[in-house]
Amino acid sequence: MKNIKAIIFDAYGTLFDVNSAAEKCKYKIGDKWEGFANYWRTTQLEYTWLRSLMNRHKDFWQVTEDSLDKSMKVFSINPLMRDELLNLYKVLSSFKEVPEVLKTLKEKKFKLAILSNGTPTLLNELVKSNKLDNIFDDLFSIEQVGIYKPDSKVYDMPIQKYRIKKNEVAFLSANTWDVSGGGNYGFNSIWVNRNNNIFDNLDYKPKNEIKDLSELIKLI
């Protein structure tokens, strides 16, 4: 992969483990914690897409609360756990290889950024709680354009800010729909396939697939 000037990361599921909030409560939730965590995440994403289509925008934190409320009812989770789960979601854990990989890329002088559905406040808290606050040049939030991924307005933000060409961006996401969104926009999208999943049929196939971010160093 040549002529890359900026490396841009999705946040949720790519840098930060979206299941880590529920996992930290697994002894209270029981064996159903992982199914609950996956349902919460799926509902959260569905709400972002539906709200974009309906032109009924709520920010990502409000969507996260709404999707949690539904998920807790579906899985019969004690309502008293709501605040605990939400507070843990604000400080999701990064995947283990993330700090070292980002440090290496920073040393190589790449422009590094996050491009996320998250609000600016959420992204800042995530980065600080994982001690990554000196790594990124920018934390791009969809709140700047008022619509969720995979709308092209989202992917256009770093292009406008950095004044670079689309094919000069390496974009990484663990979410197949996001990889397709960035790829169809014109990025060099790389799929971080952490769970050995099957890619979607959305008119884009990534040229590169990696199991975790440590494999990125060999590509760039």
N, C-alpha and C. Protein backbone atom coordinates (compact mmCIF):
# COMPACT_ATOMS: atom_id res chain seq x y z
N MET A 1 0.85 -1.19 0.00
CA MET A 1 0.00 0.00 0.00
C MET A 1 0.89 1.24 0.00
N LYS A 2 0.82 2.01 -1.09
CA LYS A 2 1.74 3.12 -1.27
C LYS A 2 1.02 4.48 -1.20
N ASN A 3 1.82 5.50 -0.97
CA ASN A 3 1.35 6.90 -1.01
C ASN A 3 0.27 7.19 0.03
N ILE A 4 0.31 6.49 1.15
CA ILE A 4 -0.64 6.75 2.22
C ILE A 4 -0.15 7.93 3.06
N LYS A 5 -1.01 8.92 3.22
CA LYS A 5 -0.67 10.10 4.01
C LYS A 5 -1.39 10.15 5.35
N ALA A 6 -2.56 9.51 5.42
CA ALA A 6 -3.33 9.52 6.66
C ALA A 6 -3.87 8.12 6.94
N ILE A 7 -3.81 7.71 8.19
CA ILE A 7 -4.39 6.45 8.63
C ILE A 7 -5.53 6.77 9.58
N ILE A 8 -6.72 6.37 9.18
CA ILE A 8 -7.92 6.76 9.92
C ILE A 8 -8.62 5.52 10.45
N PHE A 9 -8.97 5.56 11.72
CA PHE A 9 -9.53 4.40 12.40
C PHE A 9 -10.98 4.65 12.82
N ASP A 10 -11.81 3.66 12.60
CA ASP A 10 -13.07 3.60 13.30
C ASP A 10 -12.75 3.36 14.78
N ALA A 11 -13.65 3.77 15.67
CA ALA A 11 -13.39 3.60 17.10
C ALA A 11 -13.99 2.33 17.68
N TYR A 12 -15.31 2.22 17.59
CA TYR A 12 -16.04 1.17 18.30
C TYR A 12 -15.94 -0.18 17.57
N GLY A 13 -15.29 -1.12 18.23
CA GLY A 13 -15.09 -2.45 17.64
C GLY A 13 -13.76 -2.58 16.92
N THR A 14 -13.14 -1.45 16.61
CA THR A 14 -11.86 -1.45 15.90
C THR A 14 -10.71 -1.14 16.84
N LEU A 15 -10.80 -0.01 17.53
CA LEU A 15 -9.81 0.33 18.56
C LEU A 15 -10.27 -0.09 19.95
N PHE A 16 -11.57 0.01 20.18
CA PHE A 16 -12.12 -0.21 21.52
C PHE A 16 -13.14 -1.34 21.51
N ASP A 17 -13.09 -2.18 22.51
CA ASP A 17 -13.92 -3.38 22.59
C ASP A 17 -15.32 -3.02 23.10
N VAL A 18 -16.30 -3.06 22.20
CA VAL A 18 -17.66 -2.65 22.57
C VAL A 18 -18.31 -3.60 23.56
N ASN A 19 -17.77 -4.81 23.69
CA ASN A 19 -18.34 -5.77 24.65
C ASN A 19 -17.71 -5.67 26.03
N SER A 20 -16.71 -4.81 26.19
CA SER A 20 -15.98 -4.79 27.45
C SER A 20 -16.82 -4.25 28.61
N ALA A 21 -17.81 -3.40 28.32
CA ALA A 21 -18.67 -2.89 29.40
C ALA A 21 -19.46 -4.04 30.02
N ALA A 22 -20.12 -4.82 29.18
CA ALA A 22 -20.91 -5.96 29.68
C ALA A 22 -20.00 -7.03 30.28
N GLU A 23 -18.83 -7.22 29.69
CA GLU A 23 -17.92 -8.25 30.19
C GLU A 23 -17.48 -7.96 31.63
N LYS A 24 -17.29 -6.68 31.94
CA LYS A 24 -16.89 -6.31 33.30
C LYS A 24 -18.01 -6.57 34.32
N CYS A 25 -19.22 -6.78 33.82
CA CYS A 25 -20.36 -7.09 34.69
C CYS A 25 -20.84 -8.52 34.53
N LYS A 26 -20.03 -9.36 33.92
CA LYS A 26 -20.52 -10.70 33.54
C LYS A 26 -20.90 -11.55 34.75
N TYR A 27 -20.28 -11.29 35.91
CA TYR A 27 -20.61 -12.09 37.08
C TYR A 27 -21.98 -11.70 37.65
N LYS A 28 -22.41 -10.48 37.35
CA LYS A 28 -23.75 -10.04 37.75
C LYS A 28 -24.79 -10.47 36.71
N ILE A 29 -24.40 -10.41 35.44
CA ILE A 29 -25.34 -10.72 34.35
C ILE A 29 -25.49 -12.22 34.16
N GLY A 30 -24.40 -12.93 34.33
CA GLY A 30 -24.42 -14.38 34.14
C GLY A 30 -23.99 -14.79 32.74
N ASP A 31 -24.27 -16.03 32.37
CA ASP A 31 -23.81 -16.59 31.11
C ASP A 31 -24.35 -15.86 29.88
N LYS A 32 -25.43 -15.15 30.05
CA LYS A 32 -26.04 -14.44 28.91
C LYS A 32 -25.36 -13.11 28.60
N TRP A 33 -24.26 -12.79 29.31
CA TRP A 33 -23.66 -11.46 29.15
C TRP A 33 -23.23 -11.18 27.71
N GLU A 34 -22.65 -12.20 27.04
CA GLU A 34 -22.13 -11.97 25.69
C GLU A 34 -23.27 -11.79 24.68
N GLY A 35 -24.32 -12.60 24.80
CA GLY A 35 -25.48 -12.42 23.94
C GLY A 35 -26.12 -11.06 24.15
N PHE A 36 -26.18 -10.65 25.40
CA PHE A 36 -26.71 -9.32 25.73
C PHE A 36 -25.85 -8.22 25.12
N ALA A 37 -24.54 -8.34 25.25
CA ALA A 37 -23.62 -7.33 24.71
C ALA A 37 -23.76 -7.22 23.19
N ASN A 38 -23.84 -8.35 22.52
CA ASN A 38 -23.97 -8.35 21.06
C ASN A 38 -25.31 -7.75 20.63
N TYR A 39 -26.37 -8.05 21.37
CA TYR A 39 -27.69 -7.51 21.05
C TYR A 39 -27.71 -5.99 21.24
N TRP A 40 -27.10 -5.53 22.31
CA TRP A 40 -27.00 -4.09 22.58
C TRP A 40 -26.28 -3.39 21.42
N ARG A 41 -25.19 -3.96 20.99
CA ARG A 41 -24.42 -3.36 19.89
C ARG A 41 -25.22 -3.36 18.58
N THR A 42 -25.85 -4.49 18.27
CA THR A 42 -26.63 -4.57 17.04
C THR A 42 -27.78 -3.58 17.04
N THR A 43 -28.47 -3.47 18.16
CA THR A 43 -29.58 -2.52 18.26
C THR A 43 -29.08 -1.09 18.14
N GLN A 44 -27.97 -0.81 18.76
CA GLN A 44 -27.36 0.52 18.69
C GLN A 44 -27.09 0.92 17.23
N LEU A 45 -26.49 0.01 16.47
CA LEU A 45 -26.19 0.30 15.07
C LEU A 45 -27.47 0.46 14.25
N GLU A 46 -28.44 -0.42 14.49
CA GLU A 46 -29.70 -0.32 13.76
C GLU A 46 -30.36 1.04 14.00
N TYR A 47 -30.29 1.52 15.22
CA TYR A 47 -30.89 2.82 15.54
C TYR A 47 -30.17 3.95 14.80
N THR A 48 -28.85 3.85 14.63
CA THR A 48 -28.13 4.91 13.90
C THR A 48 -28.58 4.95 12.45
N TRP A 49 -28.71 3.77 11.83
CA TRP A 49 -29.12 3.72 10.43
C TRP A 49 -30.56 4.20 10.26
N LEU A 50 -31.44 3.73 11.13
CA LEU A 50 -32.86 4.09 11.02
C LEU A 50 -33.05 5.59 11.25
N ARG A 51 -32.36 6.14 12.21
CA ARG A 51 -32.50 7.58 12.48
C ARG A 51 -31.97 8.41 11.31
N SER A 52 -30.91 7.94 10.69
CA SER A 52 -30.40 8.65 9.50
C SER A 52 -31.43 8.64 8.38
N LEU A 53 -32.04 7.49 8.16
CA LEU A 53 -33.03 7.36 7.09
C LEU A 53 -34.30 8.16 7.39
N MET A 54 -34.66 8.25 8.67
CA MET A 54 -35.88 8.96 9.05
C MET A 54 -35.66 10.45 9.29
N ASN A 55 -34.38 10.90 9.19
CA ASN A 55 -34.05 12.28 9.53
C ASN A 55 -34.51 12.64 10.94
N ARG A 56 -34.29 11.70 11.87
CA ARG A 56 -34.64 11.90 13.28
C ARG A 56 -33.36 11.71 14.12
N HIS A 57 -32.45 12.63 14.00
CA HIS A 57 -31.13 12.46 14.60
C HIS A 57 -31.15 12.60 16.12
N LYS A 58 -30.50 11.66 16.77
CA LYS A 58 -30.09 11.77 18.16
C LYS A 58 -28.61 11.48 18.20
N ASP A 59 -27.88 12.07 19.15
CA ASP A 59 -26.45 11.79 19.18
C ASP A 59 -26.19 10.37 19.68
N PHE A 60 -24.96 9.93 19.53
CA PHE A 60 -24.61 8.53 19.76
C PHE A 60 -24.84 8.11 21.22
N TRP A 61 -24.66 9.03 22.14
CA TRP A 61 -24.89 8.68 23.54
C TRP A 61 -26.37 8.41 23.80
N GLN A 62 -27.24 9.23 23.22
CA GLN A 62 -28.67 9.01 23.36
C GLN A 62 -29.09 7.69 22.71
N VAL A 63 -28.50 7.39 21.56
CA VAL A 63 -28.78 6.12 20.88
C VAL A 63 -28.29 4.94 21.72
N THR A 64 -27.14 5.12 22.35
CA THR A 64 -26.60 4.07 23.20
C THR A 64 -27.51 3.81 24.40
N GLU A 65 -28.05 4.86 24.98
CA GLU A 65 -28.99 4.70 26.09
C GLU A 65 -30.28 4.01 25.64
N ASP A 66 -30.82 4.46 24.51
CA ASP A 66 -32.07 3.88 24.00
C ASP A 66 -31.91 2.39 23.68
N SER A 67 -30.79 2.06 23.05
CA SER A 67 -30.56 0.65 22.68
C SER A 67 -30.29 -0.20 23.92
N LEU A 68 -29.66 0.38 24.93
CA LEU A 68 -29.45 -0.36 26.18
C LEU A 68 -30.78 -0.65 26.87
N ASP A 69 -31.65 0.35 26.90
CA ASP A 69 -32.94 0.16 27.56
C ASP A 69 -33.72 -1.00 26.94
N LYS A 70 -33.72 -1.07 25.61
CA LYS A 70 -34.40 -2.18 24.95
C LYS A 70 -33.71 -3.51 25.27
N SER A 71 -32.39 -3.52 25.18
CA SER A 71 -31.64 -4.75 25.38
C SER A 71 -31.80 -5.29 26.79
N MET A 72 -31.83 -4.41 27.78
CA MET A 72 -32.00 -4.84 29.16
C MET A 72 -33.37 -5.50 29.36
N LYS A 73 -34.38 -5.00 28.68
CA LYS A 73 -35.71 -5.60 28.77
C LYS A 73 -35.73 -6.97 28.08
N VAL A 74 -35.10 -7.05 26.91
CA VAL A 74 -35.09 -8.31 26.17
C VAL A 74 -34.39 -9.41 26.97
N PHE A 75 -33.30 -9.06 27.65
CA PHE A 75 -32.50 -10.05 28.38
C PHE A 75 -32.80 -10.08 29.88
N SER A 76 -33.83 -9.33 30.28
CA SER A 76 -34.25 -9.30 31.69
C SER A 76 -33.09 -8.98 32.63
N ILE A 77 -32.35 -7.92 32.28
CA ILE A 77 -31.25 -7.45 33.11
C ILE A 77 -31.81 -6.53 34.20
N ASN A 78 -31.30 -6.65 35.39
CA ASN A 78 -31.73 -5.81 36.52
C ASN A 78 -31.62 -4.33 36.14
N PRO A 79 -32.73 -3.57 36.18
CA PRO A 79 -32.70 -2.15 35.80
C PRO A 79 -31.72 -1.32 36.62
N LEU A 80 -31.38 -1.79 37.81
CA LEU A 80 -30.44 -1.05 38.66
C LEU A 80 -29.02 -1.07 38.09
N MET A 81 -28.77 -1.91 37.09
CA MET A 81 -27.44 -1.98 36.47
C MET A 81 -27.26 -0.96 35.35
N ARG A 82 -28.31 -0.24 35.01
CA ARG A 82 -28.26 0.66 33.86
C ARG A 82 -27.13 1.68 33.96
N ASP A 83 -27.04 2.38 35.07
CA ASP A 83 -26.01 3.41 35.22
C ASP A 83 -24.61 2.81 35.20
N GLU A 84 -24.45 1.65 35.81
CA GLU A 84 -23.14 1.00 35.83
C GLU A 84 -22.69 0.65 34.41
N LEU A 85 -23.59 0.09 33.61
CA LEU A 85 -23.25 -0.28 32.24
C LEU A 85 -22.94 0.95 31.40
N LEU A 86 -23.71 2.00 31.58
CA LEU A 86 -23.47 3.22 30.81
C LEU A 86 -22.13 3.85 31.19
N ASN A 87 -21.81 3.89 32.46
CA ASN A 87 -20.54 4.46 32.89
C ASN A 87 -19.36 3.66 32.35
N LEU A 88 -19.52 2.33 32.31
CA LEU A 88 -18.46 1.49 31.76
C LEU A 88 -18.32 1.68 30.25
N TYR A 89 -19.43 1.98 29.58
CA TYR A 89 -19.36 2.20 28.13
C TYR A 89 -18.54 3.45 27.80
N LYS A 90 -18.51 4.39 28.70
CA LYS A 90 -17.74 5.62 28.46
C LYS A 90 -16.24 5.36 28.50
N VAL A 91 -15.85 4.26 29.12
CA VAL A 91 -14.41 3.96 29.27
C VAL A 91 -14.11 2.55 28.77
N LEU A 92 -14.66 2.21 27.61
CA LEU A 92 -14.39 0.90 27.01
C LEU A 92 -12.89 0.65 26.91
N SER A 93 -12.50 -0.59 27.07
CA SER A 93 -11.08 -0.95 26.98
C SER A 93 -10.64 -1.04 25.52
N SER A 94 -9.43 -0.61 25.26
CA SER A 94 -8.86 -0.80 23.92
C SER A 94 -8.44 -2.26 23.77
N PHE A 95 -8.37 -2.73 22.52
CA PHE A 95 -7.82 -4.06 22.28
C PHE A 95 -6.32 -4.03 22.62
N LYS A 96 -5.80 -5.17 23.02
CA LYS A 96 -4.48 -5.20 23.67
C LYS A 96 -3.35 -4.68 22.79
N GLU A 97 -3.45 -4.86 21.46
CA GLU A 97 -2.34 -4.47 20.58
C GLU A 97 -2.38 -2.99 20.20
N VAL A 98 -3.50 -2.33 20.50
CA VAL A 98 -3.73 -0.97 19.99
C VAL A 98 -2.67 0.04 20.43
N PRO A 99 -2.34 0.18 21.72
CA PRO A 99 -1.38 1.22 22.11
C PRO A 99 -0.03 1.13 21.40
N GLU A 100 0.52 -0.08 21.32
CA GLU A 100 1.85 -0.25 20.72
C GLU A 100 1.81 0.03 19.21
N VAL A 101 0.75 -0.43 18.54
CA VAL A 101 0.63 -0.18 17.09
C VAL A 101 0.51 1.31 16.81
N LEU A 102 -0.30 1.99 17.57
CA LEU A 102 -0.48 3.43 17.35
C LEU A 102 0.81 4.19 17.63
N LYS A 103 1.53 3.78 18.64
CA LYS A 103 2.80 4.42 18.95
C LYS A 103 3.79 4.26 17.80
N THR A 104 3.84 3.06 17.23
CA THR A 104 4.73 2.79 16.09
C THR A 104 4.37 3.64 14.89
N LEU A 105 3.06 3.74 14.59
CA LEU A 105 2.61 4.55 13.46
C LEU A 105 2.90 6.03 13.68
N LYS A 106 2.75 6.46 14.91
CA LYS A 106 3.05 7.86 15.25
C LYS A 106 4.52 8.16 14.99
N GLU A 107 5.38 7.23 15.35
CA GLU A 107 6.82 7.41 15.14
C GLU A 107 7.18 7.45 13.66
N LYS A 108 6.34 6.82 12.83
CA LYS A 108 6.56 6.83 11.39
C LYS A 108 6.02 8.10 10.73
N LYS A 109 5.47 9.00 11.55
CA LYS A 109 5.03 10.34 11.09
C LYS A 109 3.77 10.33 10.22
N PHE A 110 2.97 9.26 10.33
CA PHE A 110 1.68 9.29 9.65
C PHE A 110 0.73 10.23 10.37
N LYS A 111 -0.16 10.84 9.62
CA LYS A 111 -1.25 11.57 10.23
C LYS A 111 -2.27 10.54 10.70
N LEU A 112 -2.63 10.59 11.98
CA LEU A 112 -3.51 9.60 12.57
C LEU A 112 -4.79 10.26 13.08
N ALA A 113 -5.93 9.61 12.82
CA ALA A 113 -7.21 10.18 13.26
C ALA A 113 -8.21 9.07 13.53
N ILE A 114 -9.22 9.42 14.31
CA ILE A 114 -10.39 8.57 14.52
C ILE A 114 -11.55 9.20 13.76
N LEU A 115 -12.34 8.37 13.11
CA LEU A 115 -13.55 8.81 12.41
C LEU A 115 -14.69 7.96 12.93
N SER A 116 -15.60 8.55 13.71
CA SER A 116 -16.51 7.73 14.50
C SER A 116 -17.91 8.30 14.61
N ASN A 117 -18.85 7.41 14.89
CA ASN A 117 -20.22 7.80 15.23
C ASN A 117 -20.28 8.48 16.59
N GLY A 118 -19.28 8.27 17.42
CA GLY A 118 -19.30 8.79 18.78
C GLY A 118 -19.31 10.30 18.85
N THR A 119 -19.84 10.83 19.94
CA THR A 119 -19.82 12.28 20.14
C THR A 119 -18.40 12.73 20.48
N PRO A 120 -18.08 14.01 20.32
CA PRO A 120 -16.74 14.49 20.70
C PRO A 120 -16.41 14.18 22.15
N THR A 121 -17.38 14.35 23.05
CA THR A 121 -17.15 14.08 24.47
C THR A 121 -16.82 12.62 24.71
N LEU A 122 -17.59 11.72 24.08
CA LEU A 122 -17.34 10.28 24.24
C LEU A 122 -15.96 9.90 23.72
N LEU A 123 -15.60 10.41 22.55
CA LEU A 123 -14.32 10.05 21.95
C LEU A 123 -13.15 10.57 22.79
N ASN A 124 -13.28 11.78 23.28
CA ASN A 124 -12.22 12.32 24.14
C ASN A 124 -12.04 11.50 25.40
N GLU A 125 -13.16 11.07 25.99
CA GLU A 125 -13.08 10.28 27.22
C GLU A 125 -12.48 8.91 26.95
N LEU A 126 -12.87 8.30 25.84
CA LEU A 126 -12.31 7.00 25.47
C LEU A 126 -10.80 7.08 25.28
N VAL A 127 -10.37 8.08 24.56
CA VAL A 127 -8.94 8.23 24.26
C VAL A 127 -8.15 8.49 25.55
N LYS A 128 -8.68 9.35 26.40
CA LYS A 128 -7.97 9.68 27.64
C LYS A 128 -7.94 8.51 28.61
N SER A 129 -9.05 7.79 28.73
CA SER A 129 -9.10 6.68 29.68
C SER A 129 -8.18 5.54 29.27
N ASN A 130 -7.85 5.47 27.98
CA ASN A 130 -6.92 4.45 27.49
C ASN A 130 -5.51 5.00 27.27
N LYS A 131 -5.30 6.22 27.73
CA LYS A 131 -3.97 6.88 27.67
C LYS A 131 -3.44 6.99 26.24
N LEU A 132 -4.36 7.36 25.34
CA LEU A 132 -3.99 7.54 23.93
C LEU A 132 -4.14 8.99 23.49
N ASP A 133 -4.23 9.90 24.45
CA ASP A 133 -4.56 11.29 24.12
C ASP A 133 -3.45 12.06 23.42
N ASN A 134 -2.25 11.52 23.35
CA ASN A 134 -1.16 12.22 22.63
C ASN A 134 -0.87 11.59 21.27
N ILE A 135 -1.77 10.71 20.83
CA ILE A 135 -1.53 9.95 19.60
C ILE A 135 -2.18 10.60 18.37
N PHE A 136 -3.44 11.00 18.49
CA PHE A 136 -4.23 11.36 17.32
C PHE A 136 -4.15 12.84 16.96
N ASP A 137 -4.10 13.09 15.65
CA ASP A 137 -4.15 14.47 15.17
C ASP A 137 -5.57 15.02 15.25
N ASP A 138 -6.56 14.15 15.02
CA ASP A 138 -7.96 14.59 15.05
C ASP A 138 -8.86 13.46 15.51
N LEU A 139 -9.96 13.84 16.16
CA LEU A 139 -11.04 12.92 16.49
C LEU A 139 -12.27 13.43 15.77
N PHE A 140 -12.56 12.84 14.61
CA PHE A 140 -13.69 13.29 13.80
C PHE A 140 -14.98 12.60 14.28
N SER A 141 -15.97 13.40 14.61
CA SER A 141 -17.27 12.88 15.04
C SER A 141 -18.33 13.20 14.00
N ILE A 142 -19.27 12.26 13.81
CA ILE A 142 -20.36 12.49 12.87
C ILE A 142 -21.23 13.67 13.27
N GLU A 143 -21.10 14.12 14.53
CA GLU A 143 -21.89 15.27 14.96
C GLU A 143 -21.54 16.53 14.15
N GLN A 144 -20.38 16.53 13.51
CA GLN A 144 -20.00 17.67 12.66
C GLN A 144 -20.88 17.77 11.42
N VAL A 145 -21.44 16.64 10.98
CA VAL A 145 -22.29 16.64 9.78
C VAL A 145 -23.72 16.22 10.07
N GLY A 146 -23.98 15.70 11.28
CA GLY A 146 -25.34 15.42 11.70
C GLY A 146 -26.00 14.21 11.07
N ILE A 147 -25.18 13.27 10.60
CA ILE A 147 -25.72 12.02 10.05
C ILE A 147 -24.70 10.92 10.29
N TYR A 148 -25.18 9.70 10.43
CA TYR A 148 -24.30 8.58 10.79
C TYR A 148 -23.64 7.93 9.57
N LYS A 149 -22.55 7.22 9.85
CA LYS A 149 -21.98 6.32 8.86
C LYS A 149 -23.06 5.33 8.43
N PRO A 150 -23.05 4.91 7.17
CA PRO A 150 -22.02 5.10 6.15
C PRO A 150 -22.31 6.24 5.17
N ASP A 151 -22.95 7.32 5.60
CA ASP A 151 -23.18 8.45 4.69
C ASP A 151 -21.85 9.04 4.24
N SER A 152 -21.75 9.40 2.98
CA SER A 152 -20.48 9.89 2.42
C SER A 152 -20.02 11.20 3.08
N LYS A 153 -20.95 11.96 3.66
CA LYS A 153 -20.56 13.21 4.32
C LYS A 153 -19.60 12.93 5.48
N VAL A 154 -19.75 11.78 6.10
CA VAL A 154 -18.88 11.41 7.21
C VAL A 154 -17.46 11.17 6.72
N TYR A 155 -17.33 10.36 5.69
CA TYR A 155 -16.01 10.01 5.17
C TYR A 155 -15.32 11.21 4.52
N ASP A 156 -16.09 12.20 4.16
CA ASP A 156 -15.55 13.38 3.50
C ASP A 156 -14.84 14.32 4.49
N MET A 157 -15.13 14.20 5.77
CA MET A 157 -14.57 15.14 6.74
C MET A 157 -13.04 15.19 6.75
N PRO A 158 -12.36 14.05 6.86
CA PRO A 158 -10.89 14.14 6.87
C PRO A 158 -10.30 14.60 5.54
N ILE A 159 -10.98 14.30 4.45
CA ILE A 159 -10.49 14.75 3.15
C ILE A 159 -10.52 16.29 3.08
N GLN A 160 -11.59 16.86 3.57
CA GLN A 160 -11.71 18.32 3.58
C GLN A 160 -10.71 18.95 4.53
N LYS A 161 -10.48 18.31 5.67
CA LYS A 161 -9.57 18.87 6.67
C LYS A 161 -8.12 18.79 6.23
N TYR A 162 -7.72 17.65 5.67
CA TYR A 162 -6.32 17.43 5.34
C TYR A 162 -5.96 17.81 3.90
N ARG A 163 -6.99 18.06 3.07
CA ARG A 163 -6.75 18.42 1.67
C ARG A 163 -5.91 17.37 0.96
N ILE A 164 -6.30 16.12 1.13
CA ILE A 164 -5.61 15.03 0.46
C ILE A 164 -6.60 14.26 -0.41
N LYS A 165 -6.06 13.36 -1.23
CA LYS A 165 -6.90 12.55 -2.10
C LYS A 165 -7.46 11.36 -1.32
N LYS A 166 -8.60 10.87 -1.77
CA LYS A 166 -9.24 9.73 -1.09
C LYS A 166 -8.32 8.51 -1.04
N ASN A 167 -7.58 8.27 -2.14
CA ASN A 167 -6.74 7.07 -2.18
C ASN A 167 -5.43 7.25 -1.40
N GLU A 168 -5.28 8.39 -0.73
CA GLU A 168 -4.13 8.60 0.15
C GLU A 168 -4.48 8.30 1.60
N VAL A 169 -5.68 7.77 1.80
CA VAL A 169 -6.17 7.41 3.14
C VAL A 169 -6.25 5.89 3.28
N ALA A 170 -5.68 5.37 4.35
CA ALA A 170 -5.93 3.99 4.77
C ALA A 170 -6.97 4.07 5.88
N PHE A 171 -8.10 3.43 5.65
CA PHE A 171 -9.20 3.47 6.61
C PHE A 171 -9.42 2.08 7.19
N LEU A 172 -9.42 1.98 8.50
CA LEU A 172 -9.54 0.68 9.15
C LEU A 172 -10.80 0.59 9.99
N SER A 173 -11.53 -0.51 9.80
CA SER A 173 -12.71 -0.76 10.60
C SER A 173 -12.91 -2.27 10.77
N ALA A 174 -13.47 -2.64 11.91
CA ALA A 174 -13.85 -4.03 12.14
C ALA A 174 -15.27 -4.29 11.68
N ASN A 175 -15.99 -3.23 11.33
CA ASN A 175 -17.39 -3.33 10.91
C ASN A 175 -17.45 -3.42 9.38
N THR A 176 -17.96 -4.53 8.86
CA THR A 176 -17.93 -4.74 7.41
C THR A 176 -18.69 -3.66 6.65
N TRP A 177 -19.82 -3.20 7.20
CA TRP A 177 -20.60 -2.15 6.52
C TRP A 177 -19.82 -0.84 6.47
N ASP A 178 -18.98 -0.60 7.47
CA ASP A 178 -18.16 0.61 7.53
C ASP A 178 -16.99 0.51 6.55
N VAL A 179 -16.41 -0.68 6.46
CA VAL A 179 -15.35 -0.92 5.47
C VAL A 179 -15.90 -0.67 4.07
N SER A 180 -17.10 -1.16 3.81
CA SER A 180 -17.74 -0.95 2.51
C SER A 180 -18.07 0.52 2.29
N GLY A 181 -18.54 1.19 3.34
CA GLY A 181 -18.85 2.61 3.23
C GLY A 181 -17.63 3.43 2.87
N GLY A 182 -16.53 3.20 3.58
CA GLY A 182 -15.30 3.92 3.29
C GLY A 182 -14.72 3.53 1.94
N GLY A 183 -14.81 2.25 1.61
CA GLY A 183 -14.27 1.77 0.33
C GLY A 183 -15.03 2.31 -0.86
N ASN A 184 -16.35 2.31 -0.76
CA ASN A 184 -17.16 2.87 -1.85
C ASN A 184 -16.96 4.38 -1.97
N TYR A 185 -16.62 5.01 -0.88
CA TYR A 185 -16.31 6.44 -0.93
C TYR A 185 -15.01 6.70 -1.67
N GLY A 186 -14.06 5.78 -1.55
CA GLY A 186 -12.79 5.94 -2.24
C GLY A 186 -11.55 5.70 -1.40
N PHE A 187 -11.75 5.40 -0.11
CA PHE A 187 -10.62 5.08 0.76
C PHE A 187 -10.03 3.72 0.42
N ASN A 188 -8.78 3.52 0.83
CA ASN A 188 -8.20 2.19 0.89
C ASN A 188 -8.68 1.57 2.19
N SER A 189 -9.79 0.86 2.12
CA SER A 189 -10.37 0.30 3.34
C SER A 189 -9.74 -1.04 3.68
N ILE A 190 -9.41 -1.19 4.95
CA ILE A 190 -8.82 -2.42 5.46
C ILE A 190 -9.76 -3.00 6.50
N TRP A 191 -10.10 -4.27 6.34
CA TRP A 191 -11.02 -4.92 7.27
C TRP A 191 -10.24 -5.56 8.42
N VAL A 192 -10.54 -5.15 9.63
CA VAL A 192 -9.97 -5.77 10.82
C VAL A 192 -10.92 -6.87 11.26
N ASN A 193 -10.67 -8.07 10.79
CA ASN A 193 -11.59 -9.19 11.01
C ASN A 193 -11.18 -9.96 12.26
N ARG A 194 -11.55 -9.42 13.41
CA ARG A 194 -11.12 -9.98 14.68
C ARG A 194 -11.78 -11.33 14.99
N ASN A 195 -12.98 -11.55 14.44
CA ASN A 195 -13.76 -12.72 14.85
C ASN A 195 -14.00 -13.73 13.73
N ASN A 196 -13.16 -13.67 12.70
CA ASN A 196 -13.27 -14.63 11.60
C ASN A 196 -14.67 -14.63 10.98
N ASN A 197 -15.18 -13.43 10.68
CA ASN A 197 -16.51 -13.27 10.12
C ASN A 197 -16.50 -13.34 8.59
N ILE A 198 -17.69 -13.30 7.99
CA ILE A 198 -17.86 -13.30 6.54
C ILE A 198 -18.19 -11.89 6.09
N PHE A 199 -17.56 -11.44 5.02
CA PHE A 199 -17.76 -10.06 4.57
C PHE A 199 -19.12 -9.90 3.88
N ASP A 200 -19.69 -8.70 3.98
CA ASP A 200 -20.98 -8.40 3.37
C ASP A 200 -20.89 -8.25 1.85
N ASN A 201 -22.03 -8.35 1.19
CA ASN A 201 -22.14 -8.10 -0.25
C ASN A 201 -22.70 -6.69 -0.46
N LEU A 202 -21.79 -5.71 -0.45
CA LEU A 202 -22.21 -4.31 -0.55
C LEU A 202 -21.36 -3.56 -1.59
N ASP A 203 -21.08 -4.22 -2.71
CA ASP A 203 -20.38 -3.59 -3.83
C ASP A 203 -18.96 -3.15 -3.50
N TYR A 204 -18.36 -3.76 -2.50
CA TYR A 204 -16.96 -3.45 -2.20
C TYR A 204 -16.33 -4.65 -1.50
N LYS A 205 -15.15 -4.99 -1.94
CA LYS A 205 -14.37 -6.03 -1.26
C LYS A 205 -13.01 -5.43 -0.91
N PRO A 206 -12.62 -5.44 0.35
CA PRO A 206 -11.33 -4.85 0.73
C PRO A 206 -10.16 -5.61 0.14
N LYS A 207 -9.15 -4.88 -0.27
CA LYS A 207 -7.95 -5.51 -0.80
C LYS A 207 -7.14 -6.17 0.32
N ASN A 208 -7.32 -5.64 1.53
CA ASN A 208 -6.55 -6.14 2.65
C ASN A 208 -7.46 -6.49 3.83
N GLU A 209 -7.20 -7.65 4.42
CA GLU A 209 -7.92 -8.12 5.59
C GLU A 209 -6.89 -8.55 6.63
N ILE A 210 -7.05 -8.06 7.85
CA ILE A 210 -6.11 -8.39 8.92
C ILE A 210 -6.89 -8.89 10.14
N LYS A 211 -6.22 -9.68 10.97
CA LYS A 211 -6.88 -10.25 12.15
C LYS A 211 -6.88 -9.28 13.32
N ASP A 212 -5.87 -8.44 13.38
CA ASP A 212 -5.83 -7.38 14.38
C ASP A 212 -4.89 -6.30 13.88
N LEU A 213 -4.77 -5.21 14.62
CA LEU A 213 -4.03 -4.06 14.10
C LEU A 213 -2.53 -4.28 14.02
N SER A 214 -2.01 -5.29 14.72
CA SER A 214 -0.57 -5.54 14.65
C SER A 214 -0.14 -5.88 13.23
N GLU A 215 -1.05 -6.43 12.43
CA GLU A 215 -0.71 -6.78 11.05
C GLU A 215 -0.66 -5.55 10.13
N LEU A 216 -1.16 -4.44 10.62
CA LEU A 216 -1.17 -3.21 9.81
C LEU A 216 0.25 -2.73 9.51
N ILE A 217 1.15 -2.92 10.45
CA ILE A 217 2.52 -2.42 10.31
C ILE A 217 3.18 -2.98 9.04
N LYS A 218 2.84 -4.22 8.69
CA LYS A 218 3.44 -4.84 7.50
C LYS A 218 2.86 -4.26 6.19
N LEU A 219 1.66 -3.69 6.27
CA LEU A 219 0.99 -3.20 5.07
C LEU A 219 1.38 -1.76 4.71
N ILE A 220 1.69 -0.99 5.72
CA ILE A 220 1.91 0.46 5.52
C ILE A 220 3.37 0.77 5.26
